[in-house]
Amino acid sequence: MISGIQHFYFCKRQWALIHMEQQWAENIYTVKGEIFHEKVDDPFIFESRNDYFISRSLPLISYSLGFYGIADAVEFRLNDSGCFISSKNNFYEVIPVEYKVGKPKEDNRDAIQLCIQAMCLEEMFQTSIRTGYLYYGKTRHRRLIEINESLRHEVCDISKKMHEIIEKDIKILPIYSTKCANCSLYNICVPKTKKSYKSVKRYIDTKLTEKD
């Protein structure tokens, strides 16, 4: 799933638990995110003006990347060099908009998620997308993101690694760091307990030989 690429970028173990082992748990941060997205993702909220319209909760897919998901919002702005939208009988520039409940992050994880959405849209609409937006609820600010070659290469590299792990059923062991504290899966992952074990087999062997 498209949302998985952000999880993978943030923590491979978190991604594996959610997307490979189907594990999930809520905390204050996940609940805030769900509440924030309730209105954002409402497909029945339709915005339209003379020169643009917005589609919410738009299904996305890329057969070349092997990803699917949902875009929070996609803006279609009137542009002669854009793609043809038959229902509007006109040409539009396609601009993905991803909503985040918090504030801008120091790393690229949000931009990576936006970029893969753009790449899906390019494949679906046979168009070229140069920019997208990240909207942050905490700052109420919309940040322009350039969909450049660097981001595209990063998306392709990460997607290949994700598919390889799934195809080979590689087990991702936890590595404890400060970012673990706010993770909703902390009690499922238990990173402090397992961090010193180099393999699942060694972990099991150690536990079997421990004395009460």
C-alpha atoms as a PDB file:
ATOM      1  CA  MET A   1       0.000   0.000   0.000  1.00  0.00           C
ATOM      2  CA  ILE A   2       1.056   3.584  -0.643  1.00  0.00           C
ATOM      3  CA  SER A   3       0.774   4.517   3.043  1.00  0.00           C
ATOM      4  CA  GLY A   4       3.316   1.786   3.781  1.00  0.00           C
ATOM      5  CA  ILE A   5       6.173   3.648   2.125  1.00  0.00           C
ATOM      6  CA  GLN A   6       6.071   6.294   4.865  1.00  0.00           C
ATOM      7  CA  HIS A   7       6.031   3.589   7.552  1.00  0.00           C
ATOM      8  CA  PHE A   8       8.991   1.887   5.846  1.00  0.00           C
ATOM      9  CA  TYR A   9      10.949   5.135   5.683  1.00  0.00           C
ATOM     10  CA  PHE A  10      10.270   5.847   9.364  1.00  0.00           C
ATOM     11  CA  CYS A  11      10.834   2.309  10.692  1.00  0.00           C
ATOM     12  CA  LYS A  12      11.084  -0.957   8.742  1.00  0.00           C
ATOM     13  CA  ARG A  13       9.939  -2.906  11.795  1.00  0.00           C
ATOM     14  CA  GLN A  14       6.792  -0.765  12.111  1.00  0.00           C
ATOM     15  CA  TRP A  15       6.060  -1.293   8.415  1.00  0.00           C
ATOM     16  CA  ALA A  16       6.524  -5.070   8.700  1.00  0.00           C
ATOM     17  CA  LEU A  17       4.218  -5.329  11.719  1.00  0.00           C
ATOM     18  CA  ILE A  18       1.457  -3.319  10.023  1.00  0.00           C
ATOM     19  CA  HIS A  19       1.667  -4.480   6.429  1.00  0.00           C
ATOM     20  CA  MET A  20       3.104  -7.998   6.696  1.00  0.00           C
ATOM     21  CA  GLU A  21       1.849  -9.238  10.069  1.00  0.00           C
ATOM     22  CA  GLN A  22      -1.406  -7.214  10.072  1.00  0.00           C
ATOM     23  CA  GLN A  23      -0.727  -5.856  13.574  1.00  0.00           C
ATOM     24  CA  TRP A  24      -2.242  -2.582  14.753  1.00  0.00           C
ATOM     25  CA  ALA A  25      -2.776  -0.627  17.965  1.00  0.00           C
ATOM     26  CA  GLU A  26      -4.076   2.861  18.668  1.00  0.00           C
ATOM     27  CA  ASN A  27      -2.569   5.653  20.718  1.00  0.00           C
ATOM     28  CA  ILE A  28      -3.284   9.372  21.070  1.00  0.00           C
ATOM     29  CA  TYR A  29      -1.336  10.184  17.898  1.00  0.00           C
ATOM     30  CA  THR A  30      -3.119   7.664  15.664  1.00  0.00           C
ATOM     31  CA  VAL A  31      -6.527   8.742  17.005  1.00  0.00           C
ATOM     32  CA  LYS A  32      -5.725  12.408  16.332  1.00  0.00           C
ATOM     33  CA  GLY A  33      -4.755  11.457  12.794  1.00  0.00           C
ATOM     34  CA  GLU A  34      -7.998   9.565  12.212  1.00  0.00           C
ATOM     35  CA  ILE A  35     -10.126  12.456  13.497  1.00  0.00           C
ATOM     36  CA  PHE A  36      -8.166  14.931  11.365  1.00  0.00           C
ATOM     37  CA  HIS A  37      -8.720  12.845   8.229  1.00  0.00           C
ATOM     38  CA  GLU A  38     -12.454  12.283   8.742  1.00  0.00           C
ATOM     39  CA  LYS A  39     -13.370  15.495   6.919  1.00  0.00           C
ATOM     40  CA  VAL A  40     -10.332  15.595   4.676  1.00  0.00           C
ATOM     41  CA  ASP A  41     -11.060  12.156   3.214  1.00  0.00           C
ATOM     42  CA  ASP A  42     -14.816  12.577   2.781  1.00  0.00           C
ATOM     43  CA  PRO A  43     -15.437  11.668  -0.896  1.00  0.00           C
ATOM     44  CA  PHE A  44     -18.813  13.428  -0.823  1.00  0.00           C
ATOM     45  CA  ILE A  45     -17.242  16.837  -0.202  1.00  0.00           C
ATOM     46  CA  PHE A  46     -16.796  18.256  -3.692  1.00  0.00           C
ATOM     47  CA  GLU A  47     -15.135  21.581  -4.467  1.00  0.00           C
ATOM     48  CA  SER A  48     -15.318  23.154  -7.894  1.00  0.00           C
ATOM     49  CA  ARG A  49     -14.604  26.561  -9.415  1.00  0.00           C
ATOM     50  CA  ASN A  50     -14.338  27.829 -12.965  1.00  0.00           C
ATOM     51  CA  ASP A  51     -10.668  26.934 -13.247  1.00  0.00           C
ATOM     52  CA  TYR A  52     -10.292  23.919 -10.927  1.00  0.00           C
ATOM     53  CA  PHE A  53     -11.977  21.093  -9.045  1.00  0.00           C
ATOM     54  CA  ILE A  54     -10.887  18.840  -6.163  1.00  0.00           C
ATOM     55  CA  SER A  55     -11.398  15.100  -5.874  1.00  0.00           C
ATOM     56  CA  ARG A  56     -11.083  13.557  -2.373  1.00  0.00           C
ATOM     57  CA  SER A  57     -10.270   9.964  -1.391  1.00  0.00           C
ATOM     58  CA  LEU A  58      -9.232   9.211  -4.956  1.00  0.00           C
ATOM     59  CA  PRO A  59      -8.154   5.560  -5.482  1.00  0.00           C
ATOM     60  CA  LEU A  60      -4.601   5.271  -6.811  1.00  0.00           C
ATOM     61  CA  ILE A  61      -2.681   2.460  -8.466  1.00  0.00           C
ATOM     62  CA  SER A  62       0.646   1.967 -10.208  1.00  0.00           C
ATOM     63  CA  TYR A  63       1.232  -1.330 -11.981  1.00  0.00           C
ATOM     64  CA  SER A  64       4.860  -0.442 -12.696  1.00  0.00           C
ATOM     65  CA  LEU A  65       5.636   0.204  -9.015  1.00  0.00           C
ATOM     66  CA  GLY A  66       3.245  -2.412  -7.650  1.00  0.00           C
ATOM     67  CA  PHE A  67       1.456  -0.014  -5.306  1.00  0.00           C
ATOM     68  CA  TYR A  68      -2.116   1.015  -4.614  1.00  0.00           C
ATOM     69  CA  GLY A  69      -3.838   3.287  -2.116  1.00  0.00           C
ATOM     70  CA  ILE A  70      -5.912   6.406  -1.626  1.00  0.00           C
ATOM     71  CA  ALA A  71      -5.001  10.058  -2.173  1.00  0.00           C
ATOM     72  CA  ASP A  72      -6.349  12.464   0.456  1.00  0.00           C
ATOM     73  CA  ALA A  73      -7.073  15.036  -2.234  1.00  0.00           C
ATOM     74  CA  VAL A  74      -6.152  15.729  -5.839  1.00  0.00           C
ATOM     75  CA  GLU A  75      -6.523  19.177  -7.380  1.00  0.00           C
ATOM     76  CA  PHE A  76      -7.281  19.447 -11.082  1.00  0.00           C
ATOM     77  CA  ARG A  77      -6.365  22.919 -12.344  1.00  0.00           C
ATOM     78  CA  LEU A  78      -7.286  24.137 -15.818  1.00  0.00           C
ATOM     79  CA  ASN A  79      -4.148  23.975 -17.949  1.00  0.00           C
ATOM     80  CA  ASP A  80      -3.824  23.509 -21.720  1.00  0.00           C
ATOM     81  CA  SER A  81      -0.648  21.450 -21.240  1.00  0.00           C
ATOM     82  CA  GLY A  82      -2.291  19.070 -18.749  1.00  0.00           C
ATOM     83  CA  CYS A  83      -4.247  15.854 -19.273  1.00  0.00           C
ATOM     84  CA  PHE A  84      -7.683  15.633 -20.842  1.00  0.00           C
ATOM     85  CA  ILE A  85     -10.565  14.969 -18.413  1.00  0.00           C
ATOM     86  CA  SER A  86     -13.469  13.700 -20.493  1.00  0.00           C
ATOM     87  CA  SER A  87     -16.160  14.469 -17.883  1.00  0.00           C
ATOM     88  CA  LYS A  88     -15.068  18.127 -17.964  1.00  0.00           C
ATOM     89  CA  ASN A  89     -14.219  18.188 -21.671  1.00  0.00           C
ATOM     90  CA  ASN A  90     -11.056  20.118 -20.905  1.00  0.00           C
ATOM     91  CA  PHE A  91      -7.370  19.851 -20.004  1.00  0.00           C
ATOM     92  CA  TYR A  92      -6.164  19.938 -16.394  1.00  0.00           C
ATOM     93  CA  GLU A  93      -2.924  19.940 -14.436  1.00  0.00           C
ATOM     94  CA  VAL A  94      -2.975  17.199 -11.758  1.00  0.00           C
ATOM     95  CA  ILE A  95      -1.714  18.155  -8.275  1.00  0.00           C
ATOM     96  CA  PRO A  96      -1.733  15.703  -5.331  1.00  0.00           C
ATOM     97  CA  VAL A  97      -2.311  17.085  -1.821  1.00  0.00           C
ATOM     98  CA  GLU A  98      -1.422  14.996   1.241  1.00  0.00           C
ATOM     99  CA  TYR A  99      -2.732  16.036   4.671  1.00  0.00           C
ATOM    100  CA  LYS A 100      -0.778  15.499   7.893  1.00  0.00           C
ATOM    101  CA  VAL A 101      -2.097  16.191  11.379  1.00  0.00           C
ATOM    102  CA  GLY A 102       1.255  17.323  12.804  1.00  0.00           C
ATOM    103  CA  LYS A 103       4.005  19.656  11.671  1.00  0.00           C
ATOM    104  CA  PRO A 104       6.679  19.398   8.938  1.00  0.00           C
ATOM    105  CA  LYS A 105       9.265  16.697   9.608  1.00  0.00           C
ATOM    106  CA  GLU A 106      13.023  16.945   9.333  1.00  0.00           C
ATOM    107  CA  ASP A 107      13.293  13.919   7.054  1.00  0.00           C
ATOM    108  CA  ASN A 108      11.787  13.097   3.654  1.00  0.00           C
ATOM    109  CA  ARG A 109       9.078  10.612   4.668  1.00  0.00           C
ATOM    110  CA  ASP A 110       6.094  12.863   3.895  1.00  0.00           C
ATOM    111  CA  ALA A 111       7.594  14.017   0.596  1.00  0.00           C
ATOM    112  CA  ILE A 112       8.252  10.385  -0.360  1.00  0.00           C
ATOM    113  CA  GLN A 113       4.595   9.505   0.243  1.00  0.00           C
ATOM    114  CA  LEU A 114       3.482  12.493  -1.822  1.00  0.00           C
ATOM    115  CA  CYS A 115       5.891  11.570  -4.611  1.00  0.00           C
ATOM    116  CA  ILE A 116       4.600   8.008  -4.952  1.00  0.00           C
ATOM    117  CA  GLN A 117       1.069   9.402  -5.158  1.00  0.00           C
ATOM    118  CA  ALA A 118       2.220  11.690  -7.964  1.00  0.00           C
ATOM    119  CA  MET A 119       3.846   8.766  -9.783  1.00  0.00           C
ATOM    120  CA  CYS A 120       0.629   6.747  -9.515  1.00  0.00           C
ATOM    121  CA  LEU A 121      -1.386   9.674 -10.877  1.00  0.00           C
ATOM    122  CA  GLU A 122       1.063  10.112 -13.757  1.00  0.00           C
ATOM    123  CA  GLU A 123       0.562   6.493 -14.758  1.00  0.00           C
ATOM    124  CA  MET A 124      -3.218   6.665 -14.351  1.00  0.00           C
ATOM    125  CA  PHE A 125      -3.745   9.920 -16.258  1.00  0.00           C
ATOM    126  CA  GLN A 126      -0.782   9.635 -18.649  1.00  0.00           C
ATOM    127  CA  THR A 127       0.494  13.024 -17.592  1.00  0.00           C
ATOM    128  CA  SER A 128       3.507  14.684 -15.988  1.00  0.00           C
ATOM    129  CA  ILE A 129       3.372  16.046 -12.434  1.00  0.00           C
ATOM    130  CA  ARG A 130       5.960  18.572 -11.310  1.00  0.00           C
ATOM    131  CA  THR A 131       4.627  19.643  -7.907  1.00  0.00           C
ATOM    132  CA  GLY A 132       2.371  18.623  -5.051  1.00  0.00           C
ATOM    133  CA  TYR A 133       1.447  19.924  -1.612  1.00  0.00           C
ATOM    134  CA  LEU A 134       1.775  18.767   1.982  1.00  0.00           C
ATOM    135  CA  TYR A 135      -0.756  20.359   4.324  1.00  0.00           C
ATOM    136  CA  TYR A 136       0.083  20.282   8.042  1.00  0.00           C
ATOM    137  CA  GLY A 137      -2.775  20.577  10.524  1.00  0.00           C
ATOM    138  CA  LYS A 138      -0.636  21.802  13.412  1.00  0.00           C
ATOM    139  CA  THR A 139       0.808  24.747  11.500  1.00  0.00           C
ATOM    140  CA  ARG A 140      -2.173  25.137   9.125  1.00  0.00           C
ATOM    141  CA  HIS A 141       0.327  25.645   6.379  1.00  0.00           C
ATOM    142  CA  ARG A 142       0.461  24.175   2.885  1.00  0.00           C
ATOM    143  CA  ARG A 143       3.977  23.352   1.757  1.00  0.00           C
ATOM    144  CA  LEU A 144       4.886  23.161  -1.931  1.00  0.00           C
ATOM    145  CA  ILE A 145       6.924  20.058  -2.802  1.00  0.00           C
ATOM    146  CA  GLU A 146       8.816  19.663  -6.061  1.00  0.00           C
ATOM    147  CA  ILE A 147       8.396  16.160  -7.487  1.00  0.00           C
ATOM    148  CA  ASN A 148      12.005  15.986  -8.663  1.00  0.00           C
ATOM    149  CA  GLU A 149      14.252  13.174  -9.896  1.00  0.00           C
ATOM    150  CA  SER A 150      15.872  12.753  -6.484  1.00  0.00           C
ATOM    151  CA  LEU A 151      12.530  11.967  -4.844  1.00  0.00           C
ATOM    152  CA  ARG A 152      11.526   9.690  -7.720  1.00  0.00           C
ATOM    153  CA  HIS A 153      14.743   7.663  -7.454  1.00  0.00           C
ATOM    154  CA  GLU A 154      14.239   7.357  -3.707  1.00  0.00           C
ATOM    155  CA  VAL A 155      10.685   6.083  -4.216  1.00  0.00           C
ATOM    156  CA  CYS A 156      11.868   3.473  -6.742  1.00  0.00           C
ATOM    157  CA  ASP A 157      14.691   2.336  -4.464  1.00  0.00           C
ATOM    158  CA  ILE A 158      12.452   2.007  -1.399  1.00  0.00           C
ATOM    159  CA  SER A 159       9.677   0.253  -3.332  1.00  0.00           C
ATOM    160  CA  LYS A 160      12.134  -2.373  -4.614  1.00  0.00           C
ATOM    161  CA  LYS A 161      13.350  -3.038  -1.064  1.00  0.00           C
ATOM    162  CA  MET A 162       9.771  -3.361   0.198  1.00  0.00           C
ATOM    163  CA  HIS A 163       8.834  -5.863  -2.524  1.00  0.00           C
ATOM    164  CA  GLU A 164      12.024  -7.863  -1.907  1.00  0.00           C
ATOM    165  CA  ILE A 165      11.300  -8.178   1.826  1.00  0.00           C
ATOM    166  CA  ILE A 166       7.744  -9.343   1.121  1.00  0.00           C
ATOM    167  CA  GLU A 167       8.741 -11.802  -1.630  1.00  0.00           C
ATOM    168  CA  LYS A 168      11.558 -13.342   0.447  1.00  0.00           C
ATOM    169  CA  ASP A 169       9.568 -13.145   3.692  1.00  0.00           C
ATOM    170  CA  ILE A 170      12.476 -11.446   5.443  1.00  0.00           C
ATOM    171  CA  LYS A 171      11.956 -10.931   9.174  1.00  0.00           C
ATOM    172  CA  ILE A 172      12.607  -7.398  10.390  1.00  0.00           C
ATOM    173  CA  LEU A 173      13.948  -7.322  13.937  1.00  0.00           C
ATOM    174  CA  PRO A 174      13.409  -4.297  16.193  1.00  0.00           C
ATOM    175  CA  ILE A 175      16.079  -1.696  16.783  1.00  0.00           C
ATOM    176  CA  TYR A 176      15.364   0.572  19.725  1.00  0.00           C
ATOM    177  CA  SER A 177      15.702   4.336  19.298  1.00  0.00           C
ATOM    178  CA  THR A 178      14.157   7.480  20.761  1.00  0.00           C
ATOM    179  CA  LYS A 179      11.417   7.476  18.103  1.00  0.00           C
ATOM    180  CA  CYS A 180      10.031   4.220  19.580  1.00  0.00           C
ATOM    181  CA  ALA A 181       8.471   6.080  22.528  1.00  0.00           C
ATOM    182  CA  ASN A 182       5.603   7.562  20.476  1.00  0.00           C
ATOM    183  CA  CYS A 183       4.914   4.464  18.364  1.00  0.00           C
ATOM    184  CA  SER A 184       1.489   2.896  18.892  1.00  0.00           C
ATOM    185  CA  LEU A 185       3.012  -0.554  18.285  1.00  0.00           C
ATOM    186  CA  TYR A 186       5.566  -0.258  21.095  1.00  0.00           C
ATOM    187  CA  ASN A 187       3.985  -2.987  23.254  1.00  0.00           C
ATOM    188  CA  ILE A 188       3.692  -5.321  20.273  1.00  0.00           C
ATOM    189  CA  CYS A 189       7.217  -4.676  19.033  1.00  0.00           C
ATOM    190  CA  VAL A 190       8.870  -4.520  22.517  1.00  0.00           C
ATOM    191  CA  PRO A 191      12.091  -3.130  21.021  1.00  0.00           C
ATOM    192  CA  LYS A 192      14.049  -2.942  24.284  1.00  0.00           C
ATOM    193  CA  THR A 193      13.472  -6.623  25.007  1.00  0.00           C
ATOM    194  CA  LYS A 194      14.652  -7.876  21.636  1.00  0.00           C
ATOM    195  CA  LYS A 195      17.250  -5.368  20.554  1.00  0.00           C
ATOM    196  CA  SER A 196      20.269  -7.414  21.723  1.00  0.00           C
ATOM    197  CA  TYR A 197      19.337 -10.548  19.779  1.00  0.00           C
ATOM    198  CA  LYS A 198      20.877 -10.933  16.333  1.00  0.00           C
ATOM    199  CA  SER A 199      18.321 -13.447  15.106  1.00  0.00           C
ATOM    200  CA  VAL A 200      14.967 -14.943  16.032  1.00  0.00           C
ATOM    201  CA  LYS A 201      16.637 -18.351  16.458  1.00  0.00           C
ATOM    202  CA  ARG A 202      19.196 -16.968  18.904  1.00  0.00           C
ATOM    203  CA  TYR A 203      16.423 -15.207  20.810  1.00  0.00           C
ATOM    204  CA  ILE A 204      14.430 -18.454  21.135  1.00  0.00           C
ATOM    205  CA  ASP A 205      17.522 -20.500  22.052  1.00  0.00           C
ATOM    206  CA  THR A 206      18.460 -17.982  24.719  1.00  0.00           C
ATOM    207  CA  LYS A 207      14.984 -18.007  26.240  1.00  0.00           C
ATOM    208  CA  LEU A 208      14.899 -21.824  26.293  1.00  0.00           C
ATOM    209  CA  THR A 209      18.180 -22.026  28.182  1.00  0.00           C
ATOM    210  CA  GLU A 210      17.367 -19.304  30.706  1.00  0.00           C
ATOM    211  CA  LYS A 211      16.922 -20.452  34.291  1.00  0.00           C
ATOM    212  CA  ASP A 212      13.820 -19.457  36.263  1.00  0.00           C
END
